Amino acid sequence: MNLRRAIGKEFKRSWRILRRPGRWLGLARWYWTRLLHLPGSARSVAAGTAIGCFVSFTPFLGGRVVLSAGLASLLRVNPMAAIVGSHVGNPLVYPLIFVGSVELGLWLLGRPGLGPIALERLADLALPAALGLAVAGSLTSLAVYGVVLSSVRAYQEKHKARRIATRRGREALACSATDGPAL
């Protein structure tokens, strides 16, 4: 297969995914299910997800998975949850995240909004961008932590109750089988 045909097939597949939001929802549901099934305490999973979410608000686009897994390992929380959480930021939402964060940083510093951007002015946007990304990442991470913590706790309690009920059912069957026939 030549390169042009391979690129064409890949472009068509990517375009097909972008056109159908149902596929996005399916992918989000898949990530959510994997997040609920991760081993460890609910706090560890929620903290890992929050770390990954925060890292997705940093300008380190290529290294967000490695950075989030490394931070999660250093802080002794679930690194797989951090990797899942780092997928909050993706190429489709990065422009929204960065422009919104710069606007937030400018607003917090009391400066006027972006307006037309010149290349000479990009250096002046470093501080507002860093401040906006830190605030937006922190607020989003706190919200994600709360949602994931309550969801994972509910899932783990439900799963534990189901395991206990299954165990009791097996014990009841074992007891009735060893009692012998009733006269």
N, C-alpha and C. Protein backbone atom coordinates (compact mmCIF):
# COMPACT_ATOMS: atom_id res chain seq x y z
N MET A 1 0.86 -1.18 0.00
CA MET A 1 0.00 0.00 0.00
C MET A 1 0.90 1.23 0.00
N ASN A 2 0.58 2.14 -0.91
CA ASN A 2 1.42 3.34 -0.96
C ASN A 2 1.01 4.33 0.13
N LEU A 3 1.86 5.31 0.33
CA LEU A 3 1.68 6.26 1.44
C LEU A 3 0.42 7.11 1.25
N ARG A 4 0.15 7.52 0.02
CA ARG A 4 -1.02 8.35 -0.23
C ARG A 4 -2.31 7.61 0.14
N ARG A 5 -2.39 6.34 -0.22
CA ARG A 5 -3.58 5.56 0.10
C ARG A 5 -3.69 5.35 1.61
N ALA A 6 -2.56 5.10 2.28
CA ALA A 6 -2.59 4.90 3.73
C ALA A 6 -3.03 6.18 4.44
N ILE A 7 -2.51 7.32 4.01
CA ILE A 7 -2.92 8.59 4.63
C ILE A 7 -4.39 8.85 4.36
N GLY A 8 -4.84 8.55 3.15
CA GLY A 8 -6.25 8.75 2.81
C GLY A 8 -7.17 7.90 3.68
N LYS A 9 -6.80 6.64 3.90
CA LYS A 9 -7.62 5.77 4.75
C LYS A 9 -7.64 6.28 6.19
N GLU A 10 -6.49 6.70 6.68
CA GLU A 10 -6.43 7.21 8.06
C GLU A 10 -7.25 8.49 8.20
N PHE A 11 -7.18 9.37 7.21
CA PHE A 11 -7.95 10.60 7.25
C PHE A 11 -9.45 10.29 7.23
N LYS A 12 -9.85 9.35 6.38
CA LYS A 12 -11.27 9.00 6.32
C LYS A 12 -11.75 8.42 7.64
N ARG A 13 -10.93 7.58 8.27
CA ARG A 13 -11.31 7.00 9.55
C ARG A 13 -11.42 8.09 10.62
N SER A 14 -10.47 9.00 10.64
CA SER A 14 -10.52 10.08 11.63
C SER A 14 -11.72 10.98 11.39
N TRP A 15 -12.01 11.28 10.15
CA TRP A 15 -13.15 12.14 9.84
C TRP A 15 -14.46 11.47 10.22
N ARG A 16 -14.54 10.15 10.03
CA ARG A 16 -15.74 9.40 10.40
C ARG A 16 -15.97 9.47 11.91
N ILE A 17 -14.92 9.39 12.68
CA ILE A 17 -15.05 9.49 14.14
C ILE A 17 -15.48 10.89 14.54
N LEU A 18 -14.91 11.91 13.89
CA LEU A 18 -15.26 13.29 14.24
C LEU A 18 -16.70 13.64 13.88
N ARG A 19 -17.22 13.04 12.83
CA ARG A 19 -18.57 13.38 12.40
C ARG A 19 -19.64 12.80 13.30
N ARG A 20 -19.35 11.74 14.00
CA ARG A 20 -20.37 11.06 14.80
C ARG A 20 -20.09 11.25 16.29
N PRO A 21 -20.83 12.13 16.94
CA PRO A 21 -20.62 12.33 18.38
C PRO A 21 -20.93 11.09 19.20
N GLY A 22 -21.73 10.18 18.68
CA GLY A 22 -22.02 8.94 19.40
C GLY A 22 -20.77 8.14 19.67
N ARG A 23 -19.84 8.21 18.77
CA ARG A 23 -18.57 7.51 18.98
C ARG A 23 -17.78 8.15 20.11
N TRP A 24 -17.85 9.47 20.22
CA TRP A 24 -17.19 10.16 21.32
C TRP A 24 -17.80 9.73 22.64
N LEU A 25 -19.13 9.67 22.66
CA LEU A 25 -19.80 9.27 23.89
C LEU A 25 -19.46 7.84 24.26
N GLY A 26 -19.35 6.98 23.25
CA GLY A 26 -18.95 5.60 23.51
C GLY A 26 -17.55 5.52 24.09
N LEU A 27 -16.65 6.33 23.55
CA LEU A 27 -15.29 6.36 24.06
C LEU A 27 -15.25 6.91 25.48
N ALA A 28 -16.03 7.95 25.74
CA ALA A 28 -16.10 8.51 27.10
C ALA A 28 -16.67 7.48 28.07
N ARG A 29 -17.69 6.74 27.65
CA ARG A 29 -18.28 5.70 28.49
C ARG A 29 -17.25 4.60 28.77
N TRP A 30 -16.44 4.26 27.76
CA TRP A 30 -15.42 3.24 27.94
C TRP A 30 -14.39 3.70 28.96
N TYR A 31 -13.91 4.94 28.86
CA TYR A 31 -12.96 5.47 29.84
C TYR A 31 -13.57 5.49 31.24
N TRP A 32 -14.83 5.89 31.34
CA TRP A 32 -15.50 5.97 32.64
C TRP A 32 -15.59 4.58 33.28
N THR A 33 -15.94 3.57 32.48
CA THR A 33 -16.04 2.20 32.99
C THR A 33 -14.68 1.71 33.46
N ARG A 34 -13.64 1.98 32.69
CA ARG A 34 -12.29 1.58 33.10
C ARG A 34 -11.88 2.29 34.39
N LEU A 35 -12.27 3.54 34.52
CA LEU A 35 -11.94 4.30 35.72
C LEU A 35 -12.60 3.68 36.95
N LEU A 36 -13.85 3.27 36.83
CA LEU A 36 -14.56 2.67 37.96
C LEU A 36 -13.97 1.32 38.35
N HIS A 37 -13.41 0.60 37.39
CA HIS A 37 -12.89 -0.73 37.66
C HIS A 37 -11.43 -0.75 38.10
N LEU A 38 -10.79 0.41 38.19
CA LEU A 38 -9.38 0.43 38.58
C LEU A 38 -9.21 -0.05 40.02
N PRO A 39 -8.13 -0.79 40.29
CA PRO A 39 -7.90 -1.25 41.66
C PRO A 39 -7.42 -0.11 42.54
N GLY A 40 -7.61 -0.26 43.83
CA GLY A 40 -7.17 0.75 44.77
C GLY A 40 -8.34 1.42 45.44
N SER A 41 -8.01 2.27 46.39
CA SER A 41 -9.07 2.96 47.12
C SER A 41 -9.71 4.03 46.24
N ALA A 42 -10.88 4.46 46.64
CA ALA A 42 -11.58 5.49 45.89
C ALA A 42 -10.79 6.80 45.91
N ARG A 43 -10.15 7.09 47.03
CA ARG A 43 -9.35 8.32 47.11
C ARG A 43 -8.15 8.28 46.17
N SER A 44 -7.52 7.12 46.06
CA SER A 44 -6.37 6.98 45.18
C SER A 44 -6.78 7.16 43.72
N VAL A 45 -7.88 6.56 43.33
CA VAL A 45 -8.35 6.69 41.95
C VAL A 45 -8.77 8.13 41.67
N ALA A 46 -9.49 8.75 42.60
CA ALA A 46 -9.95 10.13 42.40
C ALA A 46 -8.77 11.10 42.35
N ALA A 47 -7.79 10.90 43.23
CA ALA A 47 -6.62 11.79 43.24
C ALA A 47 -5.80 11.62 41.96
N GLY A 48 -5.65 10.38 41.51
CA GLY A 48 -4.94 10.15 40.25
C GLY A 48 -5.64 10.81 39.08
N THR A 49 -6.95 10.71 39.04
CA THR A 49 -7.70 11.34 37.95
C THR A 49 -7.57 12.86 38.02
N ALA A 50 -7.62 13.41 39.22
CA ALA A 50 -7.48 14.87 39.36
C ALA A 50 -6.09 15.33 38.94
N ILE A 51 -5.06 14.56 39.25
CA ILE A 51 -3.70 14.91 38.82
C ILE A 51 -3.61 14.89 37.30
N GLY A 52 -4.15 13.85 36.70
CA GLY A 52 -4.14 13.78 35.24
C GLY A 52 -4.90 14.93 34.60
N CYS A 53 -6.02 15.30 35.20
CA CYS A 53 -6.81 16.42 34.70
C CYS A 53 -6.02 17.72 34.81
N PHE A 54 -5.34 17.92 35.92
CA PHE A 54 -4.53 19.13 36.10
C PHE A 54 -3.40 19.18 35.08
N VAL A 55 -2.75 18.05 34.85
CA VAL A 55 -1.64 18.01 33.91
C VAL A 55 -2.12 18.31 32.49
N SER A 56 -3.36 17.95 32.18
CA SER A 56 -3.86 18.25 30.84
C SER A 56 -4.04 19.75 30.62
N PHE A 57 -4.00 20.54 31.69
CA PHE A 57 -4.08 22.00 31.57
C PHE A 57 -2.70 22.64 31.49
N THR A 58 -1.64 21.87 31.47
CA THR A 58 -0.30 22.43 31.34
C THR A 58 0.05 22.53 29.86
N PRO A 59 1.02 23.36 29.51
CA PRO A 59 1.37 23.49 28.09
C PRO A 59 2.26 22.36 27.56
N PHE A 60 2.51 21.33 28.34
CA PHE A 60 3.36 20.21 27.91
C PHE A 60 2.51 19.21 27.13
N LEU A 61 2.21 19.54 25.88
CA LEU A 61 1.26 18.74 25.11
C LEU A 61 1.75 17.32 24.85
N GLY A 62 3.00 17.14 24.50
CA GLY A 62 3.48 15.82 24.15
C GLY A 62 3.73 14.91 25.34
N GLY A 63 3.97 15.47 26.50
CA GLY A 63 4.36 14.64 27.63
C GLY A 63 3.34 14.54 28.73
N ARG A 64 2.08 14.80 28.43
CA ARG A 64 1.08 14.83 29.50
C ARG A 64 0.85 13.46 30.13
N VAL A 65 0.92 12.38 29.34
CA VAL A 65 0.70 11.04 29.89
C VAL A 65 1.86 10.66 30.80
N VAL A 66 3.08 10.89 30.33
CA VAL A 66 4.26 10.55 31.13
C VAL A 66 4.32 11.42 32.39
N LEU A 67 4.04 12.70 32.24
CA LEU A 67 4.08 13.62 33.37
C LEU A 67 3.01 13.28 34.41
N SER A 68 1.81 12.97 33.96
CA SER A 68 0.75 12.64 34.92
C SER A 68 1.02 11.32 35.62
N ALA A 69 1.51 10.32 34.89
CA ALA A 69 1.83 9.04 35.53
C ALA A 69 2.99 9.20 36.50
N GLY A 70 3.99 10.00 36.15
CA GLY A 70 5.12 10.24 37.05
C GLY A 70 4.70 10.96 38.32
N LEU A 71 3.89 12.00 38.18
CA LEU A 71 3.40 12.72 39.36
C LEU A 71 2.55 11.81 40.25
N ALA A 72 1.72 11.00 39.62
CA ALA A 72 0.87 10.09 40.40
C ALA A 72 1.72 9.07 41.16
N SER A 73 2.77 8.58 40.52
CA SER A 73 3.65 7.63 41.21
C SER A 73 4.38 8.29 42.37
N LEU A 74 4.84 9.53 42.16
CA LEU A 74 5.51 10.25 43.24
C LEU A 74 4.58 10.50 44.42
N LEU A 75 3.33 10.80 44.14
CA LEU A 75 2.36 11.09 45.20
C LEU A 75 1.64 9.84 45.71
N ARG A 76 2.02 8.68 45.19
CA ARG A 76 1.48 7.38 45.61
C ARG A 76 -0.04 7.29 45.46
N VAL A 77 -0.49 7.72 44.28
CA VAL A 77 -1.89 7.52 43.91
C VAL A 77 -1.91 6.70 42.63
N ASN A 78 -3.07 6.35 42.16
CA ASN A 78 -3.21 5.44 41.04
C ASN A 78 -2.72 6.08 39.73
N PRO A 79 -1.60 5.58 39.16
CA PRO A 79 -1.09 6.19 37.93
C PRO A 79 -1.97 5.92 36.71
N MET A 80 -2.68 4.79 36.68
CA MET A 80 -3.57 4.53 35.55
C MET A 80 -4.73 5.52 35.56
N ALA A 81 -5.21 5.89 36.73
CA ALA A 81 -6.26 6.90 36.81
C ALA A 81 -5.74 8.25 36.34
N ALA A 82 -4.47 8.53 36.62
CA ALA A 82 -3.88 9.78 36.15
C ALA A 82 -3.79 9.81 34.63
N ILE A 83 -3.49 8.67 34.03
CA ILE A 83 -3.43 8.60 32.57
C ILE A 83 -4.82 8.82 31.98
N VAL A 84 -5.83 8.20 32.59
CA VAL A 84 -7.20 8.42 32.11
C VAL A 84 -7.59 9.88 32.29
N GLY A 85 -7.22 10.47 33.41
CA GLY A 85 -7.55 11.87 33.66
C GLY A 85 -6.83 12.83 32.73
N SER A 86 -5.67 12.43 32.24
CA SER A 86 -4.94 13.32 31.33
C SER A 86 -5.60 13.42 29.97
N HIS A 87 -6.56 12.56 29.70
CA HIS A 87 -7.26 12.62 28.42
C HIS A 87 -8.41 13.62 28.43
N VAL A 88 -8.54 14.39 29.52
CA VAL A 88 -9.52 15.49 29.53
C VAL A 88 -9.15 16.49 28.45
N GLY A 89 -7.88 16.76 28.35
CA GLY A 89 -7.40 17.66 27.30
C GLY A 89 -7.07 16.84 26.07
N ASN A 90 -7.57 17.26 24.93
CA ASN A 90 -7.26 16.61 23.67
C ASN A 90 -7.16 17.69 22.60
N PRO A 91 -6.70 17.34 21.42
CA PRO A 91 -6.49 18.38 20.40
C PRO A 91 -7.75 19.19 20.05
N LEU A 92 -8.90 18.65 20.29
CA LEU A 92 -10.12 19.39 19.98
C LEU A 92 -10.42 20.47 21.01
N VAL A 93 -10.05 20.24 22.26
CA VAL A 93 -10.38 21.21 23.31
C VAL A 93 -9.19 22.07 23.74
N TYR A 94 -7.98 21.75 23.28
CA TYR A 94 -6.83 22.55 23.66
C TYR A 94 -6.96 24.03 23.28
N PRO A 95 -7.45 24.36 22.09
CA PRO A 95 -7.61 25.80 21.81
C PRO A 95 -8.56 26.48 22.80
N LEU A 96 -9.64 25.80 23.16
CA LEU A 96 -10.57 26.38 24.13
C LEU A 96 -9.91 26.54 25.49
N ILE A 97 -9.16 25.52 25.90
CA ILE A 97 -8.49 25.57 27.20
C ILE A 97 -7.48 26.73 27.23
N PHE A 98 -6.64 26.83 26.21
CA PHE A 98 -5.58 27.82 26.25
C PHE A 98 -6.11 29.25 26.10
N VAL A 99 -7.02 29.46 25.17
CA VAL A 99 -7.56 30.82 25.01
C VAL A 99 -8.37 31.22 26.24
N GLY A 100 -9.18 30.28 26.74
CA GLY A 100 -9.95 30.58 27.95
C GLY A 100 -9.07 30.85 29.15
N SER A 101 -7.98 30.11 29.26
CA SER A 101 -7.07 30.32 30.39
C SER A 101 -6.33 31.65 30.29
N VAL A 102 -5.94 32.03 29.09
CA VAL A 102 -5.28 33.34 28.93
C VAL A 102 -6.26 34.46 29.27
N GLU A 103 -7.50 34.33 28.80
CA GLU A 103 -8.52 35.34 29.14
C GLU A 103 -8.74 35.40 30.65
N LEU A 104 -8.80 34.22 31.30
CA LEU A 104 -8.97 34.18 32.75
C LEU A 104 -7.79 34.83 33.45
N GLY A 105 -6.57 34.54 33.00
CA GLY A 105 -5.38 35.14 33.60
C GLY A 105 -5.35 36.65 33.42
N LEU A 106 -5.73 37.12 32.25
CA LEU A 106 -5.79 38.56 32.03
C LEU A 106 -6.83 39.21 32.93
N TRP A 107 -7.97 38.56 33.08
CA TRP A 107 -9.02 39.09 33.95
C TRP A 107 -8.56 39.14 35.40
N LEU A 108 -7.88 38.07 35.86
CA LEU A 108 -7.39 38.03 37.24
C LEU A 108 -6.33 39.10 37.50
N LEU A 109 -5.54 39.41 36.49
CA LEU A 109 -4.50 40.43 36.63
C LEU A 109 -5.04 41.84 36.38
N GLY A 110 -6.30 41.95 36.00
CA GLY A 110 -6.89 43.26 35.76
C GLY A 110 -6.45 43.91 34.47
N ARG A 111 -6.02 43.12 33.50
CA ARG A 111 -5.59 43.65 32.21
C ARG A 111 -6.74 43.52 31.20
N PRO A 112 -6.66 44.26 30.10
CA PRO A 112 -7.70 44.13 29.07
C PRO A 112 -7.62 42.78 28.37
N GLY A 113 -8.69 42.39 27.70
CA GLY A 113 -8.76 41.09 27.02
C GLY A 113 -7.76 40.97 25.88
N LEU A 114 -7.82 39.83 25.20
CA LEU A 114 -6.84 39.52 24.16
C LEU A 114 -6.89 40.49 22.99
N GLY A 115 -8.01 40.58 22.31
CA GLY A 115 -8.07 41.40 21.10
C GLY A 115 -7.21 40.77 20.02
N PRO A 116 -6.76 41.55 19.05
CA PRO A 116 -5.88 40.99 18.02
C PRO A 116 -4.51 40.68 18.62
N ILE A 117 -4.02 39.49 18.30
CA ILE A 117 -2.75 39.05 18.89
C ILE A 117 -1.62 39.26 17.87
N ALA A 118 -0.60 39.94 18.28
CA ALA A 118 0.60 40.12 17.47
C ALA A 118 1.69 39.23 18.05
N LEU A 119 2.62 38.85 17.21
CA LEU A 119 3.69 37.98 17.67
C LEU A 119 4.53 38.65 18.74
N GLU A 120 4.64 39.97 18.69
CA GLU A 120 5.43 40.67 19.70
C GLU A 120 4.75 40.60 21.07
N ARG A 121 3.46 40.43 21.07
CA ARG A 121 2.71 40.45 22.32
C ARG A 121 2.64 39.07 22.99
N LEU A 122 3.07 38.02 22.30
CA LEU A 122 2.97 36.68 22.88
C LEU A 122 3.79 36.54 24.16
N ALA A 123 4.93 37.20 24.25
CA ALA A 123 5.74 37.13 25.47
C ALA A 123 5.02 37.76 26.65
N ASP A 124 4.20 38.77 26.38
CA ASP A 124 3.44 39.42 27.46
C ASP A 124 2.31 38.54 27.98
N LEU A 125 1.96 37.51 27.22
CA LEU A 125 0.86 36.64 27.62
C LEU A 125 1.31 35.44 28.45
N ALA A 126 2.61 35.30 28.70
CA ALA A 126 3.11 34.14 29.44
C ALA A 126 2.58 34.11 30.87
N LEU A 127 2.66 35.22 31.58
CA LEU A 127 2.18 35.26 32.96
C LEU A 127 0.66 35.06 33.05
N PRO A 128 -0.13 35.77 32.24
CA PRO A 128 -1.58 35.51 32.30
C PRO A 128 -1.93 34.08 31.91
N ALA A 129 -1.21 33.52 30.93
CA ALA A 129 -1.49 32.14 30.53
C ALA A 129 -1.17 31.18 31.67
N ALA A 130 -0.03 31.35 32.31
CA ALA A 130 0.34 30.46 33.42
C ALA A 130 -0.64 30.58 34.57
N LEU A 131 -1.02 31.80 34.91
CA LEU A 131 -1.97 32.00 35.99
C LEU A 131 -3.34 31.42 35.65
N GLY A 132 -3.80 31.68 34.44
CA GLY A 132 -5.10 31.16 34.01
C GLY A 132 -5.12 29.64 33.95
N LEU A 133 -4.05 29.05 33.42
CA LEU A 133 -3.98 27.58 33.35
C LEU A 133 -3.95 26.97 34.75
N ALA A 134 -3.21 27.58 35.67
CA ALA A 134 -3.15 27.06 37.04
C ALA A 134 -4.50 27.13 37.72
N VAL A 135 -5.19 28.26 37.59
CA VAL A 135 -6.50 28.41 38.24
C VAL A 135 -7.52 27.49 37.60
N ALA A 136 -7.59 27.48 36.27
CA ALA A 136 -8.56 26.63 35.58
C ALA A 136 -8.28 25.15 35.83
N GLY A 137 -7.01 24.77 35.81
CA GLY A 137 -6.66 23.38 36.09
C GLY A 137 -6.99 22.97 37.51
N SER A 138 -6.74 23.86 38.46
CA SER A 138 -7.05 23.55 39.87
C SER A 138 -8.55 23.40 40.09
N LEU A 139 -9.33 24.33 39.55
CA LEU A 139 -10.78 24.26 39.73
C LEU A 139 -11.37 23.02 39.05
N THR A 140 -10.90 22.73 37.85
CA THR A 140 -11.39 21.55 37.15
C THR A 140 -10.97 20.28 37.88
N SER A 141 -9.75 20.24 38.39
CA SER A 141 -9.28 19.06 39.12
C SER A 141 -10.07 18.84 40.40
N LEU A 142 -10.41 19.91 41.10
CA LEU A 142 -11.24 19.76 42.31
C LEU A 142 -12.62 19.20 41.97
N ALA A 143 -13.20 19.70 40.90
CA ALA A 143 -14.51 19.20 40.48
C ALA A 143 -14.42 17.73 40.07
N VAL A 144 -13.39 17.39 39.31
CA VAL A 144 -13.21 16.00 38.87
C VAL A 144 -12.97 15.10 40.07
N TYR A 145 -12.17 15.56 41.04
CA TYR A 145 -11.91 14.76 42.24
C TYR A 145 -13.22 14.43 42.96
N GLY A 146 -14.07 15.42 43.15
CA GLY A 146 -15.33 15.18 43.85
C GLY A 146 -16.24 14.22 43.11
N VAL A 147 -16.37 14.39 41.81
CA VAL A 147 -17.25 13.52 41.02
C VAL A 147 -16.71 12.10 40.99
N VAL A 148 -15.42 11.94 40.75
CA VAL A 148 -14.84 10.60 40.66
C VAL A 148 -14.84 9.92 42.02
N LEU A 149 -14.55 10.65 43.08
CA LEU A 149 -14.55 10.06 44.42
C LEU A 149 -15.92 9.50 44.77
N SER A 150 -16.96 10.28 44.57
CA SER A 150 -18.30 9.79 44.92
C SER A 150 -18.72 8.64 44.01
N SER A 151 -18.38 8.70 42.74
CA SER A 151 -18.76 7.63 41.81
C SER A 151 -18.02 6.33 42.11
N VAL A 152 -16.73 6.42 42.36
CA VAL A 152 -15.95 5.20 42.63
C VAL A 152 -16.37 4.60 43.97
N ARG A 153 -16.62 5.44 44.97
CA ARG A 153 -17.11 4.92 46.26
C ARG A 153 -18.43 4.18 46.08
N ALA A 154 -19.36 4.78 45.35
CA ALA A 154 -20.66 4.14 45.12
C ALA A 154 -20.49 2.83 44.37
N TYR A 155 -19.62 2.81 43.35
CA TYR A 155 -19.40 1.58 42.60
C TYR A 155 -18.77 0.51 43.48
N GLN A 156 -17.76 0.89 44.27
CA GLN A 156 -17.09 -0.10 45.11
C GLN A 156 -18.02 -0.65 46.18
N GLU A 157 -18.87 0.19 46.77
CA GLU A 157 -19.83 -0.30 47.77
C GLU A 157 -20.85 -1.24 47.14
N LYS A 158 -21.32 -0.90 45.96
CA LYS A 158 -22.28 -1.76 45.26
C LYS A 158 -21.64 -3.10 44.91
N HIS A 159 -20.40 -3.05 44.43
CA HIS A 159 -19.69 -4.27 44.07
C HIS A 159 -19.43 -5.13 45.30
N LYS A 160 -19.08 -4.50 46.41
CA LYS A 160 -18.83 -5.24 47.66
C LYS A 160 -20.12 -5.90 48.15
N ALA A 161 -21.24 -5.18 48.10
CA ALA A 161 -22.52 -5.76 48.53
C ALA A 161 -22.90 -6.94 47.64
N ARG A 162 -22.64 -6.83 46.36
CA ARG A 162 -22.94 -7.93 45.45
C ARG A 162 -22.08 -9.15 45.75
N ARG A 163 -20.78 -8.92 46.05
CA ARG A 163 -19.90 -10.04 46.40
C ARG A 163 -20.36 -10.72 47.68
N ILE A 164 -20.77 -9.93 48.68
CA ILE A 164 -21.23 -10.50 49.95
C ILE A 164 -22.49 -11.31 49.72
N ALA A 165 -23.41 -10.81 48.93
CA ALA A 165 -24.66 -11.53 48.65
C ALA A 165 -24.37 -12.83 47.92
N THR A 166 -23.45 -12.81 46.99
CA THR A 166 -23.09 -14.03 46.27
C THR A 166 -22.45 -15.04 47.21
N ARG A 167 -21.57 -14.57 48.09
CA ARG A 167 -20.92 -15.47 49.05
C ARG A 167 -21.95 -16.10 49.98
N ARG A 168 -22.90 -15.30 50.47
CA ARG A 168 -23.94 -15.84 51.36
C ARG A 168 -24.81 -16.85 50.63
N GLY A 169 -25.10 -16.59 49.38
CA GLY A 169 -25.88 -17.53 48.59
C GLY A 169 -25.15 -18.85 48.42
N ARG A 170 -23.86 -18.80 48.17
CA ARG A 170 -23.07 -20.03 48.02
C ARG A 170 -23.00 -20.79 49.34
N GLU A 171 -22.83 -20.05 50.44
CA GLU A 171 -22.77 -20.71 51.75
C GLU A 171 -24.11 -21.36 52.07
N ALA A 172 -25.20 -20.71 51.73
CA ALA A 172 -26.52 -21.29 51.98
C ALA A 172 -26.72 -22.55 51.15
N LEU A 173 -26.27 -22.54 49.91
CA LEU A 173 -26.37 -23.73 49.08
C LEU A 173 -25.50 -24.86 49.62
N ALA A 174 -24.31 -24.52 50.10
CA ALA A 174 -23.41 -25.53 50.64
C ALA A 174 -23.99 -26.14 51.91
N CYS A 175 -24.61 -25.32 52.76
CA CYS A 175 -25.20 -25.82 54.00
C CYS A 175 -26.39 -26.71 53.70
N SER A 176 -27.22 -26.35 52.76
CA SER A 176 -28.40 -27.15 52.46
C SER A 176 -28.01 -28.45 51.79
N ALA A 177 -26.91 -28.48 51.07
CA ALA A 177 -26.47 -29.70 50.41
C ALA A 177 -25.87 -30.67 51.43
N THR A 178 -25.27 -30.18 52.50
CA THR A 178 -24.64 -31.07 53.48
C THR A 178 -25.61 -31.52 54.57
N ASP A 179 -26.77 -30.88 54.69
CA ASP A 179 -27.74 -31.26 55.72
C ASP A 179 -28.41 -32.59 55.42
N GLY A 180 -28.46 -32.97 54.19
CA GLY A 180 -29.12 -34.22 53.82
C GLY A 180 -30.59 -33.99 53.53
N PRO A 181 -31.26 -35.05 53.14
CA PRO A 181 -32.67 -34.91 52.78
C PRO A 181 -33.53 -34.71 54.02
N ALA A 182 -34.54 -33.89 53.87
CA ALA A 182 -35.47 -33.64 54.98
C ALA A 182 -36.48 -34.77 55.05
N LEU A 183 -36.83 -35.24 56.26
CA LEU A 183 -37.80 -36.33 56.42
C LEU A 183 -39.16 -35.86 56.74
